[in-house]
Amino acid sequence: MEKFKKQSYCHLRLAGLLDNKLRRYFHNPNEILKPFIKKDMTVLDFGCGPGVFSIEIAQLLEVSGKVISVDMQQGMLDIIKRKIKGTSIEKIIELQKCTQETVGLNVNVDFALMFYVVHEVPSKKDLFDEILPKINNGGLLMIVEPKAVSKKTFDDIIDSAKKYGFEEHSLLKIAFSRGIVLRKP
């Protein structure tokens, strides 16, 4: 079964496109995440790539929580490992390689980030079956997709999440993107 096999994904050799000044200008991780990340949270960054958001989450946690950075590509996780080596946030970022079959999340989280990744997963149902029950009551789920993902497809993704009891918390205004934060009551 290949329920998490990505139909297309950002190859490791393109990691620099995910972490550069221009992208940070349009997708500033601090501005996007700061209203939602609080000290002592456990946070999932699913499809973390080279760690742009994972590192910012760890800094917002002020070394008082945990970030679980999950990606299918070991090379992306290795990039994060190099970036955080010897820093104060190294001890709170847990790097986890997922497989095509499972995310392997074995802890509950307070916040889950899915930035530009849900559209790449063939079975949103299987993905949500595994991750959404692991979000604590009162927890938040942020889904951001590129505008190239149609509004209908984005709405279908959100409707799928709402079937798990999530409700709209806030809409996000992010350049070239569609974004929402959902809350688990």
N, C-alpha and C. Protein backbone atom coordinates (compact mmCIF):
# COMPACT_ATOMS: atom_id res chain seq x y z
N MET A 1 0.84 -1.18 0.00
CA MET A 1 0.00 0.00 0.00
C MET A 1 0.88 1.24 0.00
N GLU A 2 0.54 2.20 -0.80
CA GLU A 2 1.36 3.40 -0.93
C GLU A 2 0.54 4.64 -0.64
N LYS A 3 -0.11 4.66 0.50
CA LYS A 3 -1.05 5.74 0.78
C LYS A 3 -0.41 7.10 0.95
N PHE A 4 0.86 7.18 1.34
CA PHE A 4 1.50 8.47 1.51
C PHE A 4 2.49 8.77 0.39
N LYS A 5 2.59 7.88 -0.57
CA LYS A 5 3.54 8.11 -1.65
C LYS A 5 3.15 9.41 -2.36
N LYS A 6 4.11 10.28 -2.44
CA LYS A 6 3.85 11.55 -3.06
C LYS A 6 3.89 11.40 -4.58
N GLN A 7 2.90 11.98 -5.22
CA GLN A 7 2.87 11.94 -6.68
C GLN A 7 3.99 12.81 -7.23
N SER A 8 4.25 13.91 -6.58
CA SER A 8 5.37 14.77 -6.92
C SER A 8 5.79 15.46 -5.64
N TYR A 9 7.05 15.73 -5.53
CA TYR A 9 7.52 16.43 -4.34
C TYR A 9 8.79 17.18 -4.71
N CYS A 10 9.13 18.12 -3.86
CA CYS A 10 10.32 18.92 -4.12
C CYS A 10 11.56 18.06 -3.87
N HIS A 11 12.26 17.77 -4.93
CA HIS A 11 13.44 16.92 -4.84
C HIS A 11 14.53 17.61 -4.01
N LEU A 12 15.34 16.83 -3.38
CA LEU A 12 16.42 17.32 -2.53
C LEU A 12 17.29 18.36 -3.23
N ARG A 13 17.56 18.17 -4.49
CA ARG A 13 18.44 19.11 -5.20
C ARG A 13 17.79 20.50 -5.34
N LEU A 14 16.49 20.59 -5.06
CA LEU A 14 15.79 21.87 -5.11
C LEU A 14 15.55 22.48 -3.73
N ALA A 15 16.19 21.92 -2.72
CA ALA A 15 15.98 22.38 -1.34
C ALA A 15 16.27 23.87 -1.18
N GLY A 16 17.22 24.38 -1.94
CA GLY A 16 17.55 25.81 -1.87
C GLY A 16 16.40 26.70 -2.27
N LEU A 17 15.50 26.19 -3.11
CA LEU A 17 14.32 26.97 -3.50
C LEU A 17 13.36 27.12 -2.33
N LEU A 18 13.41 26.20 -1.40
CA LEU A 18 12.51 26.24 -0.25
C LEU A 18 13.05 27.12 0.87
N ASP A 19 14.35 27.38 0.84
CA ASP A 19 14.98 28.14 1.93
C ASP A 19 15.89 29.21 1.34
N ASN A 20 15.27 30.34 1.00
CA ASN A 20 16.04 31.46 0.47
C ASN A 20 15.38 32.76 0.88
N LYS A 21 16.07 33.88 0.68
CA LYS A 21 15.58 35.18 1.13
C LYS A 21 14.28 35.59 0.45
N LEU A 22 14.16 35.31 -0.82
CA LEU A 22 12.95 35.69 -1.54
C LEU A 22 11.73 34.95 -0.98
N ARG A 23 11.88 33.65 -0.78
CA ARG A 23 10.75 32.90 -0.22
C ARG A 23 10.43 33.39 1.19
N ARG A 24 11.45 33.64 1.99
CA ARG A 24 11.21 34.13 3.35
C ARG A 24 10.51 35.49 3.35
N TYR A 25 10.73 36.28 2.30
CA TYR A 25 10.04 37.56 2.19
C TYR A 25 8.53 37.33 2.01
N PHE A 26 8.17 36.41 1.13
CA PHE A 26 6.76 36.13 0.86
C PHE A 26 6.12 35.18 1.87
N HIS A 27 6.90 34.27 2.41
CA HIS A 27 6.41 33.27 3.38
C HIS A 27 7.25 33.36 4.65
N ASN A 28 7.16 34.48 5.32
CA ASN A 28 7.95 34.70 6.53
C ASN A 28 7.45 33.76 7.64
N PRO A 29 8.25 32.76 8.02
CA PRO A 29 7.79 31.79 9.00
C PRO A 29 7.38 32.42 10.33
N ASN A 30 8.12 33.44 10.78
CA ASN A 30 7.80 34.08 12.05
C ASN A 30 6.43 34.74 11.99
N GLU A 31 6.18 35.51 10.94
CA GLU A 31 4.89 36.19 10.81
C GLU A 31 3.73 35.21 10.68
N ILE A 32 3.94 34.13 9.97
CA ILE A 32 2.88 33.14 9.76
C ILE A 32 2.58 32.38 11.04
N LEU A 33 3.61 32.00 11.78
CA LEU A 33 3.45 31.09 12.92
C LEU A 33 3.27 31.75 14.28
N LYS A 34 3.82 32.93 14.45
CA LYS A 34 3.87 33.56 15.78
C LYS A 34 2.51 33.64 16.48
N PRO A 35 1.43 33.94 15.80
CA PRO A 35 0.14 34.01 16.51
C PRO A 35 -0.35 32.67 17.07
N PHE A 36 0.25 31.57 16.62
CA PHE A 36 -0.29 30.26 16.96
C PHE A 36 0.63 29.40 17.83
N ILE A 37 1.90 29.70 17.88
CA ILE A 37 2.87 28.88 18.60
C ILE A 37 3.08 29.46 19.99
N LYS A 38 2.91 28.63 21.00
CA LYS A 38 3.09 29.04 22.40
C LYS A 38 4.11 28.12 23.07
N LYS A 39 4.75 28.65 24.09
CA LYS A 39 5.73 27.86 24.84
C LYS A 39 5.11 26.53 25.29
N ASP A 40 5.95 25.52 25.39
CA ASP A 40 5.60 24.20 25.89
C ASP A 40 4.74 23.36 24.94
N MET A 41 4.48 23.84 23.75
CA MET A 41 3.71 23.06 22.78
C MET A 41 4.55 21.92 22.21
N THR A 42 3.85 20.89 21.76
CA THR A 42 4.44 19.87 20.91
C THR A 42 3.87 20.13 19.52
N VAL A 43 4.77 20.32 18.54
CA VAL A 43 4.37 20.76 17.21
C VAL A 43 4.87 19.78 16.16
N LEU A 44 3.99 19.46 15.22
CA LEU A 44 4.34 18.61 14.08
C LEU A 44 4.52 19.49 12.86
N ASP A 45 5.66 19.34 12.18
CA ASP A 45 5.88 19.99 10.88
C ASP A 45 5.95 18.86 9.86
N PHE A 46 4.80 18.56 9.25
CA PHE A 46 4.71 17.45 8.30
C PHE A 46 5.13 17.92 6.92
N GLY A 47 6.09 17.22 6.32
CA GLY A 47 6.64 17.64 5.04
C GLY A 47 7.57 18.82 5.23
N CYS A 48 8.44 18.70 6.23
CA CYS A 48 9.25 19.83 6.72
C CYS A 48 10.31 20.31 5.74
N GLY A 49 10.66 19.51 4.75
CA GLY A 49 11.70 19.94 3.81
C GLY A 49 12.99 20.29 4.55
N PRO A 50 13.66 21.38 4.15
CA PRO A 50 14.94 21.73 4.78
C PRO A 50 14.80 22.49 6.10
N GLY A 51 13.60 22.53 6.66
CA GLY A 51 13.44 23.03 8.02
C GLY A 51 13.15 24.49 8.21
N VAL A 52 12.74 25.19 7.16
CA VAL A 52 12.47 26.63 7.28
C VAL A 52 11.48 26.89 8.41
N PHE A 53 10.39 26.15 8.43
CA PHE A 53 9.36 26.35 9.46
C PHE A 53 9.72 25.65 10.76
N SER A 54 10.34 24.49 10.70
CA SER A 54 10.72 23.76 11.91
C SER A 54 11.63 24.59 12.80
N ILE A 55 12.61 25.21 12.20
CA ILE A 55 13.57 26.02 12.97
C ILE A 55 12.88 27.23 13.59
N GLU A 56 12.00 27.86 12.84
CA GLU A 56 11.27 29.02 13.38
C GLU A 56 10.35 28.59 14.51
N ILE A 57 9.69 27.45 14.36
CA ILE A 57 8.82 26.94 15.42
C ILE A 57 9.64 26.73 16.69
N ALA A 58 10.79 26.10 16.55
CA ALA A 58 11.65 25.84 17.72
C ALA A 58 12.04 27.14 18.40
N GLN A 59 12.36 28.16 17.62
CA GLN A 59 12.72 29.45 18.21
C GLN A 59 11.53 30.10 18.91
N LEU A 60 10.35 29.97 18.33
CA LEU A 60 9.14 30.52 18.97
C LEU A 60 8.80 29.78 20.26
N LEU A 61 9.14 28.51 20.33
CA LEU A 61 8.90 27.73 21.55
C LEU A 61 9.86 28.13 22.67
N GLU A 62 10.89 28.86 22.33
CA GLU A 62 11.88 29.32 23.31
C GLU A 62 12.47 28.15 24.11
N VAL A 63 12.78 27.09 23.40
CA VAL A 63 13.41 25.89 23.96
C VAL A 63 12.57 25.28 25.08
N SER A 64 11.25 25.38 24.96
CA SER A 64 10.38 24.87 26.03
C SER A 64 9.28 23.97 25.49
N GLY A 65 9.51 23.32 24.41
CA GLY A 65 8.52 22.43 23.83
C GLY A 65 9.23 21.40 22.97
N LYS A 66 8.55 20.98 21.92
CA LYS A 66 9.12 19.95 21.05
C LYS A 66 8.59 20.17 19.63
N VAL A 67 9.48 20.01 18.66
CA VAL A 67 9.11 20.06 17.25
C VAL A 67 9.42 18.70 16.66
N ILE A 68 8.43 18.11 16.01
CA ILE A 68 8.64 16.85 15.31
C ILE A 68 8.63 17.19 13.83
N SER A 69 9.80 17.12 13.22
CA SER A 69 9.98 17.47 11.81
C SER A 69 9.98 16.19 11.00
N VAL A 70 8.97 16.04 10.15
CA VAL A 70 8.77 14.79 9.41
C VAL A 70 8.90 15.04 7.91
N ASP A 71 9.69 14.20 7.26
CA ASP A 71 9.81 14.27 5.81
C ASP A 71 10.12 12.87 5.27
N MET A 72 9.78 12.65 3.99
CA MET A 72 10.07 11.37 3.34
C MET A 72 11.53 11.27 2.91
N GLN A 73 12.18 12.38 2.75
CA GLN A 73 13.54 12.38 2.23
C GLN A 73 14.56 12.57 3.36
N GLN A 74 15.38 11.57 3.56
CA GLN A 74 16.42 11.66 4.59
C GLN A 74 17.33 12.85 4.34
N GLY A 75 17.58 13.17 3.10
CA GLY A 75 18.45 14.30 2.77
C GLY A 75 17.92 15.62 3.32
N MET A 76 16.61 15.82 3.30
CA MET A 76 16.02 17.04 3.87
C MET A 76 16.26 17.06 5.38
N LEU A 77 16.07 15.93 6.03
CA LEU A 77 16.30 15.85 7.47
C LEU A 77 17.77 16.10 7.80
N ASP A 78 18.66 15.62 6.94
CA ASP A 78 20.10 15.85 7.15
C ASP A 78 20.44 17.34 7.06
N ILE A 79 19.76 18.05 6.17
CA ILE A 79 19.97 19.50 6.07
C ILE A 79 19.60 20.18 7.38
N ILE A 80 18.47 19.80 7.93
CA ILE A 80 18.04 20.39 9.22
C ILE A 80 19.06 20.05 10.30
N LYS A 81 19.48 18.80 10.33
CA LYS A 81 20.44 18.36 11.34
C LYS A 81 21.70 19.22 11.30
N ARG A 82 22.20 19.50 10.10
CA ARG A 82 23.38 20.35 9.96
C ARG A 82 23.10 21.78 10.43
N LYS A 83 21.93 22.31 10.11
CA LYS A 83 21.59 23.68 10.49
C LYS A 83 21.50 23.87 12.00
N ILE A 84 21.00 22.86 12.71
CA ILE A 84 20.76 23.03 14.15
C ILE A 84 21.88 22.49 15.03
N LYS A 85 22.83 21.80 14.43
CA LYS A 85 23.93 21.20 15.21
C LYS A 85 24.62 22.25 16.08
N GLY A 86 24.68 21.97 17.37
CA GLY A 86 25.35 22.84 18.31
C GLY A 86 24.55 24.06 18.75
N THR A 87 23.30 24.16 18.33
CA THR A 87 22.47 25.31 18.73
C THR A 87 21.57 24.92 19.90
N SER A 88 20.97 25.92 20.52
CA SER A 88 20.08 25.66 21.66
C SER A 88 18.81 24.93 21.24
N ILE A 89 18.42 25.04 19.99
CA ILE A 89 17.18 24.37 19.56
C ILE A 89 17.39 22.92 19.14
N GLU A 90 18.63 22.51 19.05
CA GLU A 90 18.92 21.13 18.62
C GLU A 90 18.21 20.10 19.50
N LYS A 91 18.14 20.36 20.78
CA LYS A 91 17.57 19.38 21.71
C LYS A 91 16.05 19.28 21.64
N ILE A 92 15.37 20.26 21.00
CA ILE A 92 13.90 20.17 20.97
C ILE A 92 13.35 19.81 19.59
N ILE A 93 14.22 19.67 18.60
CA ILE A 93 13.77 19.26 17.27
C ILE A 93 14.05 17.78 17.09
N GLU A 94 12.99 17.02 16.91
CA GLU A 94 13.10 15.58 16.65
C GLU A 94 12.90 15.36 15.16
N LEU A 95 13.89 14.79 14.50
CA LEU A 95 13.81 14.53 13.08
C LEU A 95 13.28 13.13 12.85
N GLN A 96 12.26 13.02 12.00
CA GLN A 96 11.62 11.73 11.79
C GLN A 96 11.35 11.51 10.30
N LYS A 97 11.88 10.42 9.79
CA LYS A 97 11.64 10.07 8.39
C LYS A 97 10.36 9.26 8.32
N CYS A 98 9.44 9.69 7.48
CA CYS A 98 8.23 8.90 7.28
C CYS A 98 8.44 8.00 6.07
N THR A 99 7.56 7.08 5.91
CA THR A 99 7.63 6.18 4.76
C THR A 99 6.46 6.49 3.84
N GLN A 100 6.42 5.77 2.76
CA GLN A 100 5.30 5.93 1.83
C GLN A 100 4.02 5.37 2.43
N GLU A 101 4.14 4.54 3.43
CA GLU A 101 2.96 3.91 4.02
C GLU A 101 2.44 4.59 5.27
N THR A 102 3.33 5.26 6.01
CA THR A 102 2.90 5.82 7.29
C THR A 102 3.77 7.00 7.71
N VAL A 103 3.15 7.88 8.45
CA VAL A 103 3.89 9.00 9.04
C VAL A 103 4.66 8.50 10.25
N GLY A 104 4.05 7.60 11.02
CA GLY A 104 4.72 7.04 12.19
C GLY A 104 4.68 7.95 13.40
N LEU A 105 3.72 8.83 13.45
CA LEU A 105 3.60 9.75 14.59
C LEU A 105 3.11 8.97 15.80
N ASN A 106 3.89 8.97 16.88
CA ASN A 106 3.52 8.18 18.05
C ASN A 106 3.27 9.02 19.29
N VAL A 107 3.13 10.34 19.11
CA VAL A 107 2.79 11.23 20.23
C VAL A 107 1.68 12.17 19.79
N ASN A 108 0.97 12.71 20.75
CA ASN A 108 -0.03 13.73 20.45
C ASN A 108 0.65 15.08 20.31
N VAL A 109 0.03 15.96 19.53
CA VAL A 109 0.59 17.28 19.30
C VAL A 109 -0.46 18.35 19.58
N ASP A 110 0.04 19.57 19.81
CA ASP A 110 -0.84 20.71 20.06
C ASP A 110 -1.08 21.52 18.79
N PHE A 111 -0.17 21.38 17.84
CA PHE A 111 -0.24 22.15 16.60
C PHE A 111 0.38 21.30 15.50
N ALA A 112 -0.31 21.23 14.35
CA ALA A 112 0.25 20.52 13.19
C ALA A 112 0.29 21.47 12.01
N LEU A 113 1.45 21.54 11.38
CA LEU A 113 1.65 22.38 10.20
C LEU A 113 1.78 21.49 8.97
N MET A 114 0.99 21.82 7.95
CA MET A 114 1.07 21.14 6.65
C MET A 114 1.17 22.24 5.60
N PHE A 115 2.39 22.66 5.31
CA PHE A 115 2.64 23.79 4.42
C PHE A 115 3.06 23.28 3.05
N TYR A 116 2.20 23.49 2.05
CA TYR A 116 2.46 23.12 0.66
C TYR A 116 2.74 21.62 0.52
N VAL A 117 1.98 20.79 1.24
CA VAL A 117 2.27 19.36 1.18
C VAL A 117 1.04 18.49 0.99
N VAL A 118 -0.12 18.88 1.47
CA VAL A 118 -1.29 17.99 1.43
C VAL A 118 -1.65 17.64 -0.02
N HIS A 119 -1.54 18.58 -0.92
CA HIS A 119 -1.89 18.30 -2.32
C HIS A 119 -0.99 17.23 -2.94
N GLU A 120 0.16 16.97 -2.35
CA GLU A 120 1.10 15.98 -2.89
C GLU A 120 0.80 14.56 -2.42
N VAL A 121 -0.07 14.44 -1.44
CA VAL A 121 -0.37 13.12 -0.86
C VAL A 121 -1.59 12.54 -1.57
N PRO A 122 -1.44 11.37 -2.20
CA PRO A 122 -2.56 10.79 -2.95
C PRO A 122 -3.81 10.54 -2.10
N SER A 123 -3.66 10.05 -0.88
CA SER A 123 -4.82 9.77 -0.05
C SER A 123 -4.86 10.71 1.15
N LYS A 124 -5.61 11.79 0.98
CA LYS A 124 -5.78 12.73 2.09
C LYS A 124 -6.47 12.02 3.25
N LYS A 125 -7.39 11.11 2.95
CA LYS A 125 -8.11 10.39 3.99
C LYS A 125 -7.14 9.59 4.86
N ASP A 126 -6.24 8.84 4.25
CA ASP A 126 -5.27 8.05 5.01
C ASP A 126 -4.34 8.95 5.82
N LEU A 127 -3.91 10.04 5.22
CA LEU A 127 -3.05 10.99 5.93
C LEU A 127 -3.79 11.54 7.15
N PHE A 128 -5.01 12.02 6.93
CA PHE A 128 -5.78 12.59 8.03
C PHE A 128 -6.17 11.53 9.06
N ASP A 129 -6.44 10.30 8.62
CA ASP A 129 -6.75 9.21 9.57
C ASP A 129 -5.61 9.02 10.56
N GLU A 130 -4.39 9.19 10.09
CA GLU A 130 -3.24 8.98 10.97
C GLU A 130 -2.91 10.19 11.82
N ILE A 131 -2.94 11.38 11.23
CA ILE A 131 -2.46 12.56 11.96
C ILE A 131 -3.53 13.26 12.79
N LEU A 132 -4.72 13.46 12.24
CA LEU A 132 -5.70 14.30 12.94
C LEU A 132 -6.12 13.77 14.30
N PRO A 133 -6.24 12.46 14.50
CA PRO A 133 -6.55 11.99 15.85
C PRO A 133 -5.44 12.26 16.86
N LYS A 134 -4.23 12.54 16.38
CA LYS A 134 -3.09 12.81 17.26
C LYS A 134 -3.01 14.28 17.68
N ILE A 135 -3.91 15.11 17.18
CA ILE A 135 -3.94 16.51 17.59
C ILE A 135 -4.82 16.61 18.83
N ASN A 136 -4.28 17.18 19.89
CA ASN A 136 -5.00 17.29 21.17
C ASN A 136 -6.25 18.14 21.02
N ASN A 137 -7.22 17.90 21.90
CA ASN A 137 -8.40 18.76 21.95
C ASN A 137 -7.94 20.19 22.21
N GLY A 138 -8.50 21.12 21.47
CA GLY A 138 -8.07 22.52 21.55
C GLY A 138 -6.87 22.81 20.67
N GLY A 139 -6.31 21.76 20.05
CA GLY A 139 -5.15 21.92 19.19
C GLY A 139 -5.50 22.51 17.84
N LEU A 140 -4.47 22.94 17.14
CA LEU A 140 -4.65 23.62 15.86
C LEU A 140 -3.98 22.86 14.71
N LEU A 141 -4.59 22.98 13.55
CA LEU A 141 -4.07 22.40 12.31
C LEU A 141 -3.99 23.52 11.29
N MET A 142 -2.78 23.83 10.81
CA MET A 142 -2.59 24.85 9.78
C MET A 142 -2.32 24.15 8.46
N ILE A 143 -3.16 24.45 7.47
CA ILE A 143 -2.98 23.91 6.13
C ILE A 143 -2.80 25.08 5.18
N VAL A 144 -1.70 25.07 4.45
CA VAL A 144 -1.42 26.11 3.46
C VAL A 144 -1.04 25.40 2.16
N GLU A 145 -1.68 25.83 1.08
CA GLU A 145 -1.42 25.24 -0.23
C GLU A 145 -1.16 26.36 -1.23
N PRO A 146 -0.37 26.09 -2.27
CA PRO A 146 -0.13 27.12 -3.28
C PRO A 146 -1.42 27.43 -4.05
N LYS A 147 -1.52 28.65 -4.55
CA LYS A 147 -2.71 29.04 -5.34
C LYS A 147 -2.87 28.17 -6.57
N ALA A 148 -1.80 27.50 -7.01
CA ALA A 148 -1.90 26.59 -8.15
C ALA A 148 -2.84 25.42 -7.83
N VAL A 149 -3.02 25.13 -6.55
CA VAL A 149 -4.02 24.15 -6.13
C VAL A 149 -5.36 24.87 -6.19
N SER A 150 -6.29 24.34 -6.96
CA SER A 150 -7.56 25.03 -7.18
C SER A 150 -8.30 25.26 -5.87
N LYS A 151 -9.16 26.28 -5.88
CA LYS A 151 -9.98 26.56 -4.71
C LYS A 151 -10.85 25.36 -4.37
N LYS A 152 -11.38 24.68 -5.38
CA LYS A 152 -12.20 23.50 -5.14
C LYS A 152 -11.40 22.41 -4.44
N THR A 153 -10.19 22.15 -4.92
CA THR A 153 -9.34 21.13 -4.30
C THR A 153 -9.00 21.52 -2.86
N PHE A 154 -8.66 22.80 -2.66
CA PHE A 154 -8.36 23.28 -1.32
C PHE A 154 -9.59 23.12 -0.41
N ASP A 155 -10.76 23.51 -0.90
CA ASP A 155 -11.99 23.37 -0.12
C ASP A 155 -12.27 21.91 0.21
N ASP A 156 -11.99 21.01 -0.73
CA ASP A 156 -12.18 19.57 -0.48
C ASP A 156 -11.23 19.10 0.62
N ILE A 157 -9.99 19.58 0.63
CA ILE A 157 -9.04 19.23 1.68
C ILE A 157 -9.57 19.67 3.03
N ILE A 158 -10.05 20.91 3.10
CA ILE A 158 -10.57 21.46 4.36
C ILE A 158 -11.83 20.70 4.79
N ASP A 159 -12.72 20.40 3.86
CA ASP A 159 -13.92 19.62 4.18
C ASP A 159 -13.54 18.26 4.75
N SER A 160 -12.50 17.65 4.19
CA SER A 160 -12.03 16.35 4.71
C SER A 160 -11.58 16.47 6.15
N ALA A 161 -10.85 17.54 6.47
CA ALA A 161 -10.39 17.75 7.84
C ALA A 161 -11.57 18.00 8.78
N LYS A 162 -12.54 18.72 8.29
CA LYS A 162 -13.71 19.04 9.13
C LYS A 162 -14.51 17.78 9.48
N LYS A 163 -14.40 16.74 8.66
CA LYS A 163 -15.08 15.48 8.96
C LYS A 163 -14.54 14.83 10.23
N TYR A 164 -13.37 15.27 10.67
CA TYR A 164 -12.77 14.76 11.90
C TYR A 164 -13.12 15.64 13.09
N GLY A 165 -14.05 16.55 12.89
CA GLY A 165 -14.51 17.40 13.98
C GLY A 165 -13.82 18.74 14.08
N PHE A 166 -12.91 19.02 13.17
CA PHE A 166 -12.21 20.30 13.20
C PHE A 166 -13.15 21.42 12.73
N GLU A 167 -12.96 22.59 13.30
CA GLU A 167 -13.75 23.76 12.90
C GLU A 167 -12.81 24.90 12.53
N GLU A 168 -13.33 25.82 11.74
CA GLU A 168 -12.51 26.93 11.29
C GLU A 168 -12.12 27.82 12.47
N HIS A 169 -10.84 28.09 12.58
CA HIS A 169 -10.31 29.01 13.60
C HIS A 169 -10.01 30.35 12.96
N SER A 170 -9.25 30.34 11.84
CA SER A 170 -8.95 31.59 11.14
C SER A 170 -8.47 31.32 9.72
N LEU A 171 -8.79 32.25 8.85
CA LEU A 171 -8.28 32.20 7.48
C LEU A 171 -6.95 32.94 7.47
N LEU A 172 -6.05 32.50 6.61
CA LEU A 172 -4.72 33.10 6.53
C LEU A 172 -4.57 33.86 5.22
N LYS A 173 -3.87 34.96 5.27
CA LYS A 173 -3.52 35.70 4.06
C LYS A 173 -2.02 35.56 3.87
N ILE A 174 -1.65 34.67 2.95
CA ILE A 174 -0.25 34.38 2.66
C ILE A 174 -0.06 34.49 1.16
N ALA A 175 0.93 35.23 0.73
CA ALA A 175 1.16 35.47 -0.69
C ALA A 175 1.19 34.17 -1.49
N PHE A 176 0.52 34.20 -2.63
CA PHE A 176 0.49 33.09 -3.58
C PHE A 176 -0.08 31.81 -2.99
N SER A 177 -0.88 31.92 -1.94
CA SER A 177 -1.31 30.73 -1.19
C SER A 177 -2.77 30.82 -0.76
N ARG A 178 -3.28 29.66 -0.39
CA ARG A 178 -4.56 29.54 0.30
C ARG A 178 -4.22 28.92 1.64
N GLY A 179 -4.74 29.50 2.71
CA GLY A 179 -4.38 28.97 4.02
C GLY A 179 -5.50 29.10 5.04
N ILE A 180 -5.50 28.18 5.97
CA ILE A 180 -6.50 28.15 7.02
C ILE A 180 -5.91 27.50 8.27
N VAL A 181 -6.42 27.92 9.40
CA VAL A 181 -6.11 27.25 10.65
C VAL A 181 -7.43 26.67 11.16
N LEU A 182 -7.41 25.39 11.45
CA LEU A 182 -8.56 24.70 12.00
C LEU A 182 -8.29 24.34 13.44
N ARG A 183 -9.34 24.28 14.23
CA ARG A 183 -9.22 23.95 15.65
C ARG A 183 -10.00 22.68 15.95
N LYS A 184 -9.39 21.85 16.80
CA LYS A 184 -10.07 20.64 17.25
C LYS A 184 -10.74 20.97 18.60
N PRO A 185 -12.07 20.96 18.62
CA PRO A 185 -12.76 21.34 19.87
C PRO A 185 -12.45 20.40 21.04
